[in-house]
C-alpha atoms as a PDB file:
ATOM      1  CA  MET A   1       2.778 -32.725 -47.899  1.00  0.00           C
ATOM      2  CA  MET A   2       3.243 -33.112 -44.540  1.00  0.00           C
ATOM      3  CA  GLY A   3       1.622 -30.543 -42.212  1.00  0.00           C
ATOM      4  CA  TYR A   4      -0.333 -29.021 -45.053  1.00  0.00           C
ATOM      5  CA  GLY A   5      -3.305 -26.757 -43.601  1.00  0.00           C
ATOM      6  CA  THR A   6      -2.146 -26.045 -40.443  1.00  0.00           C
ATOM      7  CA  GLY A   7      -0.570 -23.586 -41.123  1.00  0.00           C
ATOM      8  CA  LEU A   8       2.876 -23.901 -38.771  1.00  0.00           C
ATOM      9  CA  GLY A   9       2.790 -28.033 -38.716  1.00  0.00           C
ATOM     10  CA  LEU A  10       1.865 -28.265 -35.843  1.00  0.00           C
ATOM     11  CA  GLY A  11      -0.408 -30.756 -36.309  1.00  0.00           C
ATOM     12  CA  PHE A  12      -4.184 -30.947 -34.620  1.00  0.00           C
ATOM     13  CA  GLY A  13      -2.582 -31.457 -31.115  1.00  0.00           C
ATOM     14  CA  GLY A  14      -0.605 -29.063 -31.261  1.00  0.00           C
ATOM     15  CA  MET A  15      -1.975 -26.733 -31.986  1.00  0.00           C
ATOM     16  CA  PHE A  16      -4.264 -27.302 -29.254  1.00  0.00           C
ATOM     17  CA  TRP A  17      -1.115 -26.641 -26.864  1.00  0.00           C
ATOM     18  CA  MET A  18       0.047 -23.412 -28.272  1.00  0.00           C
ATOM     19  CA  VAL A  19      -3.252 -22.321 -27.789  1.00  0.00           C
ATOM     20  CA  GLY A  20      -3.044 -23.145 -23.877  1.00  0.00           C
ATOM     21  CA  PHE A  21      -0.358 -21.745 -23.428  1.00  0.00           C
ATOM     22  CA  VAL A  22      -1.580 -18.566 -24.858  1.00  0.00           C
ATOM     23  CA  LEU A  23      -4.534 -18.774 -22.877  1.00  0.00           C
ATOM     24  CA  VAL A  24      -1.895 -19.351 -19.436  1.00  0.00           C
ATOM     25  CA  ILE A  25       0.332 -16.620 -20.138  1.00  0.00           C
ATOM     26  CA  VAL A  26      -2.799 -13.987 -20.574  1.00  0.00           C
ATOM     27  CA  GLY A  27      -4.012 -15.927 -17.226  1.00  0.00           C
ATOM     28  CA  LEU A  28      -0.628 -14.802 -15.683  1.00  0.00           C
ATOM     29  CA  VAL A  29      -0.686 -11.112 -16.693  1.00  0.00           C
ATOM     30  CA  VAL A  30      -4.297 -10.576 -15.905  1.00  0.00           C
ATOM     31  CA  LEU A  31      -3.506 -12.195 -12.019  1.00  0.00           C
ATOM     32  CA  VAL A  32      -0.743  -9.301 -11.948  1.00  0.00           C
ATOM     33  CA  ALA A  33      -2.520  -6.611 -13.019  1.00  0.00           C
ATOM     34  CA  TRP A  34      -5.600  -7.971 -10.515  1.00  0.00           C
ATOM     35  CA  ALA A  35      -3.361  -8.074  -7.699  1.00  0.00           C
ATOM     36  CA  VAL A  36      -1.477  -4.949  -8.277  1.00  0.00           C
ATOM     37  CA  SER A  37      -4.232  -2.410  -8.589  1.00  0.00           C
ATOM     38  CA  ARG A  38      -6.513  -4.268  -5.502  1.00  0.00           C
ATOM     39  CA  SER A  39      -3.311  -3.987  -3.264  1.00  0.00           C
ATOM     40  CA  ALA A  40      -3.219  -0.275  -4.273  1.00  0.00           C
ATOM     41  CA  THR A  41      -6.929   0.448  -4.320  1.00  0.00           C
ATOM     42  CA  ARG A  42     -10.197  -0.620  -2.382  1.00  0.00           C
ATOM     43  CA  ALA A  43     -13.212  -2.047  -3.627  1.00  0.00           C
ATOM     44  CA  ASP A  44     -15.188   2.169  -3.925  1.00  0.00           C
ATOM     45  CA  GLY A  45     -11.811   3.330  -5.960  1.00  0.00           C
ATOM     46  CA  ALA A  46     -10.194   4.887  -2.858  1.00  0.00           C
ATOM     47  CA  ALA A  47      -6.915   4.726  -2.282  1.00  0.00           C
ATOM     48  CA  ALA A  48      -5.598   1.431   0.571  1.00  0.00           C
ATOM     49  CA  PRO A  49      -5.660   3.032   3.933  1.00  0.00           C
ATOM     50  CA  ILE A  50      -2.357   3.875   5.463  1.00  0.00           C
ATOM     51  CA  ALA A  51      -1.725   2.644   9.389  1.00  0.00           C
ATOM     52  CA  ARG A  52      -1.805   5.079  12.441  1.00  0.00           C
ATOM     53  CA  ASP A  53       1.527   3.554  12.801  1.00  0.00           C
ATOM     54  CA  ASP A  54       2.638   3.793   9.675  1.00  0.00           C
ATOM     55  CA  ALA A  55       1.903   7.878   9.558  1.00  0.00           C
ATOM     56  CA  LEU A  56       3.425   8.656  12.273  1.00  0.00           C
ATOM     57  CA  ASP A  57       6.324   6.845  11.042  1.00  0.00           C
ATOM     58  CA  ILE A  58       5.881   8.939   7.470  1.00  0.00           C
ATOM     59  CA  LEU A  59       5.215  12.456   9.758  1.00  0.00           C
ATOM     60  CA  ARG A  60       8.100  11.904  11.594  1.00  0.00           C
ATOM     61  CA  ALA A  61      10.353  11.576   8.799  1.00  0.00           C
ATOM     62  CA  ARG A  62       9.055  14.192   6.993  1.00  0.00           C
ATOM     63  CA  PHE A  63       9.956  16.471   9.899  1.00  0.00           C
ATOM     64  CA  ALA A  64      13.403  15.404  10.374  1.00  0.00           C
ATOM     65  CA  ARG A  65      13.592  16.304   7.097  1.00  0.00           C
ATOM     66  CA  GLY A  66      13.060  19.378   7.445  1.00  0.00           C
ATOM     67  CA  GLU A  67       9.848  19.115   4.520  1.00  0.00           C
ATOM     68  CA  ILE A  68       7.606  20.969   7.666  1.00  0.00           C
ATOM     69  CA  SER A  69       7.754  22.596  10.795  1.00  0.00           C
ATOM     70  CA  GLU A  70       7.309  21.890  14.424  1.00  0.00           C
ATOM     71  CA  ALA A  71       3.835  23.541  14.302  1.00  0.00           C
ATOM     72  CA  GLU A  72       2.363  21.393  11.669  1.00  0.00           C
ATOM     73  CA  TYR A  73       4.251  18.321  13.412  1.00  0.00           C
ATOM     74  CA  THR A  74       2.902  18.649  16.486  1.00  0.00           C
ATOM     75  CA  GLN A  75      -0.590  19.021  14.859  1.00  0.00           C
ATOM     76  CA  ALA A  76      -0.615  16.760  12.216  1.00  0.00           C
ATOM     77  CA  ALA A  77       0.501  13.872  15.366  1.00  0.00           C
ATOM     78  CA  SER A  78      -2.241  15.316  17.643  1.00  0.00           C
ATOM     79  CA  VAL A  79      -5.547  14.543  14.682  1.00  0.00           C
ATOM     80  CA  LEU A  80      -3.463  11.049  13.867  1.00  0.00           C
ATOM     81  CA  ARG A  81      -3.378   9.835  17.630  1.00  0.00           C
ATOM     82  CA  SER A  82      -7.178  11.134  18.384  1.00  0.00           C
ATOM     83  CA  GLU A  83      -8.437   9.368  15.715  1.00  0.00           C
ATOM     84  CA  ARG A  84     -10.194   5.836  15.981  1.00  0.00           C
END
């Protein structure tokens, strides 16, 4: 009766390997989830700030696509350039 009582026939050492493998997989999933959430939000839960140059690029692209008017573009660009 080989493997009697082990359930999977892995023996005592094999069960340690199986549990270790599961812990490694769970650890990797948790690490990836943590990294994704950290890059998307700050510690206080607010969205991560966009750099001013990135915001101006987004604004230019929206103006070029016709999503905003020239007046809206000018006003928003002046606000972004004046914030320090």
